[in-house]
Amino acid sequence: MDYGGFFGFFAKGLLVSMNGLHSFGLNYAWCIIAITLIIKLLFWPLTAISTRSMKRMSELAPQMKLIQERYKDDPAKVQQKTMEFYRENKVNPMAGCLPMLVQFPVFIGFYTMLQSCIELRGQEFLWAHDLSQEDTVAYLFGFPINPLPIVMAVTMFYQARLTPPSPGMDPMQQKIMKYMPMMFVFILYRFSAALTLYWTVQNVLTIVQTKLTKIQDDKKAALGNGAAATTAPAEKPKKR
């Protein structure tokens, strides 16, 4: 097991955590699910900030496009006006990316750990007979049928539908992002069941968080609108 370097530090910590949970009687599949849930809860505030930032940027996209069209012959002016627009509307374009950058070492650490730890050999979960191998259930014309990567793809497509497109993204880039899950399925289809299990659970938790964040924001907006309506001065009746 190569747990050296910067990402190896996170891989070792995750391996110790997984074995610690296993010592309480959990099988390794449920240990992976539990660690994924714990990581999601730890990064919940950062992910919520990212979700809200992306939603806000999406709402402001039409106005940003007008700025780009108005000063299209002067890139420096576009940059200046865009930054002024950000300041006026109190949005930070980096807020959507920073949480992902912070979580990246943990993701790579989890990937490294799940790909190489010997503990997963022979561990079963649902239809998977070995978490260190593919979760193949049958062969179709010699091609393995692996359900977990397929379920992972479904969750990725649904997650992509919930995520607003980045401002300034042209139609071709939007199509690439739309079909990005297919690329991940192609890459991860023959990977271990443990890794695709982690990714699938991570997607499901992200979907749940996105929906809960949206419900919470909608409630706040409804309460704000209700308060504004209550404090608004009543219209005086017209004299006849």
Protein backbone atom coordinates (compact mmCIF):
# COMPACT_ATOMS: atom_id res chain seq x y z
CA MET A 1 0.00 0.00 0.00
CA ASP A 2 1.45 3.34 -1.07
CA TYR A 3 0.24 5.75 1.60
CA GLY A 4 3.09 8.21 1.24
CA GLY A 5 2.91 11.87 0.33
CA PHE A 6 0.28 14.48 1.04
CA PHE A 7 -2.76 12.42 0.03
CA GLY A 8 -1.36 9.37 1.84
CA PHE A 9 -1.87 11.21 5.13
CA PHE A 10 -5.63 11.35 4.48
CA ALA A 11 -5.66 7.76 3.21
CA LYS A 12 -4.06 6.50 6.44
CA GLY A 13 -6.53 8.46 8.57
CA LEU A 14 -9.49 7.09 6.62
CA LEU A 15 -8.14 3.53 6.87
CA VAL A 16 -7.76 3.85 10.66
CA SER A 17 -11.32 5.24 10.85
CA MET A 18 -12.71 2.40 8.75
CA ASN A 19 -10.97 -0.27 10.81
CA GLY A 20 -12.09 1.49 13.99
CA LEU A 21 -15.74 1.33 12.92
CA HIS A 22 -15.27 -2.30 11.86
CA SER A 23 -14.07 -3.14 15.36
CA PHE A 24 -17.55 -2.22 16.64
CA GLY A 25 -19.11 -4.97 14.52
CA LEU A 26 -19.93 -3.10 11.28
CA ASN A 27 -18.99 -4.86 8.07
CA TYR A 28 -16.70 -2.91 5.77
CA ALA A 29 -19.43 -1.82 3.36
CA TRP A 30 -21.36 -0.15 6.17
CA CYS A 31 -18.08 1.34 7.43
CA ILE A 32 -17.63 3.00 4.01
CA ILE A 33 -21.20 4.31 4.12
CA ALA A 34 -20.75 5.60 7.69
CA ILE A 35 -17.46 7.38 6.88
CA THR A 36 -19.03 8.94 3.77
CA LEU A 37 -21.90 10.21 5.92
CA ILE A 38 -19.50 11.59 8.55
CA ILE A 39 -17.44 13.38 5.88
CA LYS A 40 -20.61 14.83 4.36
CA LEU A 41 -21.75 16.14 7.75
CA LEU A 42 -18.32 17.67 8.44
CA PHE A 43 -18.33 19.50 5.10
CA TRP A 44 -22.07 20.25 5.18
CA PRO A 45 -21.68 24.02 5.91
CA LEU A 46 -19.10 24.46 3.12
CA THR A 47 -21.22 22.52 0.62
CA ALA A 48 -24.30 24.57 1.58
CA ILE A 49 -22.35 27.78 0.92
CA SER A 50 -21.27 26.41 -2.45
CA THR A 51 -24.84 25.42 -3.39
CA ARG A 52 -26.25 28.82 -2.45
CA SER A 53 -23.43 30.62 -4.26
CA MET A 54 -23.99 28.66 -7.48
CA LYS A 55 -27.73 29.31 -7.28
CA ARG A 56 -27.17 33.03 -6.74
CA MET A 57 -24.66 33.20 -9.60
CA SER A 58 -27.16 31.41 -11.85
CA GLU A 59 -29.84 34.00 -10.97
CA LEU A 60 -27.43 36.84 -11.86
CA ALA A 61 -26.25 35.19 -15.10
CA PRO A 62 -28.54 37.21 -17.45
CA GLN A 63 -27.23 40.52 -16.07
CA MET A 64 -23.65 39.31 -16.33
CA LYS A 65 -24.27 38.32 -19.94
CA LEU A 66 -25.47 41.86 -20.68
CA ILE A 67 -22.20 43.23 -19.28
CA GLN A 68 -20.21 40.86 -21.49
CA GLU A 69 -22.18 41.85 -24.58
CA ARG A 70 -22.00 45.58 -23.82
CA TYR A 71 -18.20 45.61 -23.43
CA LYS A 72 -17.33 42.65 -25.68
CA ASP A 73 -14.65 44.68 -27.49
CA ASP A 74 -12.88 45.59 -24.25
CA PRO A 75 -11.97 42.51 -22.13
CA ALA A 76 -10.40 44.67 -19.40
CA LYS A 77 -13.64 46.64 -19.09
CA VAL A 78 -15.63 43.42 -18.91
CA GLN A 79 -13.43 42.24 -16.04
CA GLN A 80 -13.75 45.57 -14.21
CA LYS A 81 -17.53 45.80 -14.60
CA THR A 82 -17.97 42.14 -13.64
CA MET A 83 -16.03 42.61 -10.39
CA GLU A 84 -18.06 45.74 -9.63
CA PHE A 85 -21.22 43.76 -10.30
CA TYR A 86 -20.07 41.05 -7.88
CA ARG A 87 -19.39 43.62 -5.16
CA GLU A 88 -22.73 45.38 -5.66
CA ASN A 89 -24.64 42.10 -5.38
CA LYS A 90 -22.41 40.72 -2.58
CA VAL A 91 -21.48 37.50 -4.36
CA ASN A 92 -18.15 35.73 -4.44
CA PRO A 93 -17.48 33.56 -7.52
CA MET A 94 -14.88 31.59 -5.56
CA ALA A 95 -17.45 30.56 -2.95
CA GLY A 96 -18.73 27.84 -5.28
CA CYS A 97 -15.25 26.38 -5.91
CA LEU A 98 -13.52 26.72 -2.55
CA PRO A 99 -15.49 23.95 -0.75
CA MET A 100 -14.66 21.52 -3.56
CA LEU A 101 -10.96 22.40 -3.33
CA VAL A 102 -11.01 21.85 0.44
CA GLN A 103 -12.69 18.44 0.04
CA PHE A 104 -10.41 17.31 -2.81
CA PRO A 105 -7.58 15.90 -0.60
CA VAL A 106 -10.14 13.85 1.37
CA PHE A 107 -11.63 12.50 -1.87
CA ILE A 108 -8.21 11.49 -3.24
CA GLY A 109 -7.33 9.99 0.14
CA PHE A 110 -10.52 7.93 0.12
CA TYR A 111 -9.85 6.86 -3.47
CA THR A 112 -6.27 5.79 -2.59
CA MET A 113 -7.37 3.93 0.51
CA LEU A 114 -10.25 2.04 -1.13
CA GLN A 115 -8.12 1.05 -4.10
CA SER A 116 -5.36 -0.57 -2.08
CA CYS A 117 -6.50 -1.68 1.39
CA ILE A 118 -6.34 -5.45 1.86
CA GLU A 119 -9.21 -5.47 4.37
CA LEU A 120 -11.82 -5.23 1.61
CA ARG A 121 -10.87 -8.53 -0.02
CA GLY A 122 -13.68 -11.07 0.23
CA GLN A 123 -16.04 -8.60 1.96
CA GLU A 124 -19.62 -8.93 0.70
CA PHE A 125 -22.39 -6.35 0.37
CA LEU A 126 -25.77 -6.93 -1.28
CA TRP A 127 -24.93 -8.54 -4.66
CA ALA A 128 -21.20 -7.70 -4.49
CA HIS A 129 -19.17 -10.74 -3.42
CA ASP A 130 -15.87 -8.88 -3.06
CA LEU A 131 -15.64 -5.13 -2.37
CA SER A 132 -12.10 -5.04 -3.74
CA GLN A 133 -13.36 -6.24 -7.14
CA GLU A 134 -16.10 -5.29 -9.59
CA ASP A 135 -19.70 -6.06 -8.53
CA THR A 136 -20.37 -8.15 -11.64
CA VAL A 137 -23.68 -10.05 -11.50
CA ALA A 138 -23.78 -11.42 -15.06
CA TYR A 139 -22.22 -11.21 -18.52
CA LEU A 140 -23.94 -10.03 -21.67
CA PHE A 141 -22.08 -11.16 -24.81
CA GLY A 142 -18.95 -11.32 -22.70
CA PHE A 143 -19.45 -7.82 -21.24
CA PRO A 144 -19.76 -7.64 -17.41
CA ILE A 145 -22.96 -6.19 -15.95
CA ASN A 146 -21.94 -4.10 -12.92
CA PRO A 147 -25.01 -2.58 -11.18
CA LEU A 148 -23.22 -0.17 -8.80
CA PRO A 149 -21.61 1.99 -11.55
CA ILE A 150 -25.00 2.13 -13.28
CA VAL A 151 -26.72 3.29 -10.07
CA MET A 152 -23.87 5.77 -9.60
CA ALA A 153 -24.53 7.17 -13.10
CA VAL A 154 -28.24 7.62 -12.35
CA THR A 155 -27.45 9.57 -9.17
CA MET A 156 -24.88 11.70 -11.03
CA PHE A 157 -27.38 12.59 -13.77
CA TYR A 158 -29.98 13.55 -11.17
CA GLN A 159 -27.43 15.57 -9.21
CA ALA A 160 -26.43 17.40 -12.42
CA ARG A 161 -30.09 18.33 -12.99
CA LEU A 162 -30.26 19.91 -9.54
CA THR A 163 -27.05 21.91 -10.05
CA PRO A 164 -27.54 25.24 -11.87
CA PRO A 165 -25.18 25.89 -14.82
CA SER A 166 -22.24 28.18 -14.20
CA PRO A 167 -22.66 31.77 -15.46
CA GLY A 168 -21.03 32.45 -18.80
CA MET A 169 -21.00 28.78 -19.80
CA ASP A 170 -21.72 28.39 -23.52
CA PRO A 171 -24.19 25.75 -24.82
CA MET A 172 -21.40 23.35 -25.81
CA GLN A 173 -19.88 23.47 -22.31
CA GLN A 174 -23.33 22.91 -20.81
CA LYS A 175 -23.77 19.79 -22.97
CA ILE A 176 -20.36 18.50 -21.88
CA MET A 177 -21.28 19.01 -18.21
CA LYS A 178 -24.67 17.38 -18.82
CA TYR A 179 -23.10 14.20 -20.16
CA MET A 180 -20.08 14.22 -17.83
CA PRO A 181 -21.57 11.35 -15.75
CA MET A 182 -21.23 9.04 -18.76
CA MET A 183 -17.50 9.76 -18.80
CA PHE A 184 -17.22 8.86 -15.12
CA VAL A 185 -19.15 5.63 -15.68
CA PHE A 186 -16.75 4.75 -18.50
CA ILE A 187 -13.76 5.45 -16.22
CA LEU A 188 -15.10 3.78 -13.06
CA TYR A 189 -17.09 0.91 -14.57
CA ARG A 190 -14.33 -1.66 -13.96
CA PHE A 191 -13.20 -0.20 -10.62
CA SER A 192 -13.76 -1.87 -7.25
CA ALA A 193 -17.26 -2.08 -5.77
CA ALA A 194 -16.00 -0.24 -2.68
CA LEU A 195 -15.09 2.85 -4.71
CA THR A 196 -18.35 2.95 -6.68
CA LEU A 197 -20.29 2.36 -3.43
CA TYR A 198 -18.57 5.37 -1.86
CA TRP A 199 -19.23 7.56 -4.90
CA THR A 200 -22.89 6.49 -5.11
CA VAL A 201 -23.53 7.19 -1.42
CA GLN A 202 -21.74 10.53 -1.78
CA ASN A 203 -24.01 11.46 -4.70
CA VAL A 204 -27.17 10.46 -2.81
CA LEU A 205 -26.14 12.53 0.23
CA THR A 206 -25.33 15.52 -2.01
CA ILE A 207 -28.77 15.25 -3.61
CA VAL A 208 -30.41 15.15 -0.17
CA GLN A 209 -28.39 18.17 0.99
CA THR A 210 -29.20 20.16 -2.17
CA LYS A 211 -32.92 19.53 -1.71
CA LEU A 212 -32.81 20.36 2.02
CA THR A 213 -30.86 23.57 1.33
CA LYS A 214 -33.43 24.57 -1.31
CA ILE A 215 -36.34 23.86 1.07
CA GLN A 216 -34.64 25.88 3.81
CA ASP A 217 -33.97 28.83 1.47
CA ASP A 218 -37.54 28.74 0.15
CA LYS A 219 -38.90 28.85 3.72
CA LYS A 220 -36.66 31.82 4.57
CA ALA A 221 -37.77 33.60 1.40
CA ALA A 222 -41.44 32.92 2.21
CA LEU A 223 -40.99 34.22 5.77
CA GLY A 224 -39.19 37.29 4.44
CA ASN A 225 -41.95 38.02 1.94
CA GLY A 226 -44.56 37.51 4.66
CA ALA A 227 -42.79 39.92 6.99
CA ALA A 228 -42.47 42.49 4.20
CA ALA A 229 -46.17 42.22 3.43
CA THR A 230 -47.04 42.62 7.12
CA THR A 231 -44.91 45.75 7.57
CA ALA A 232 -46.04 47.34 4.32
CA PRO A 233 -48.31 50.37 4.94
CA ALA A 234 -51.94 49.70 4.29
CA GLU A 235 -53.48 51.51 1.34
CA LYS A 236 -55.76 54.36 2.40
CA PRO A 237 -59.33 54.08 1.15
CA LYS A 238 -60.17 56.56 -1.56
CA LYS A 239 -62.67 59.28 -0.76
CA ARG A 240 -65.82 59.22 -2.80
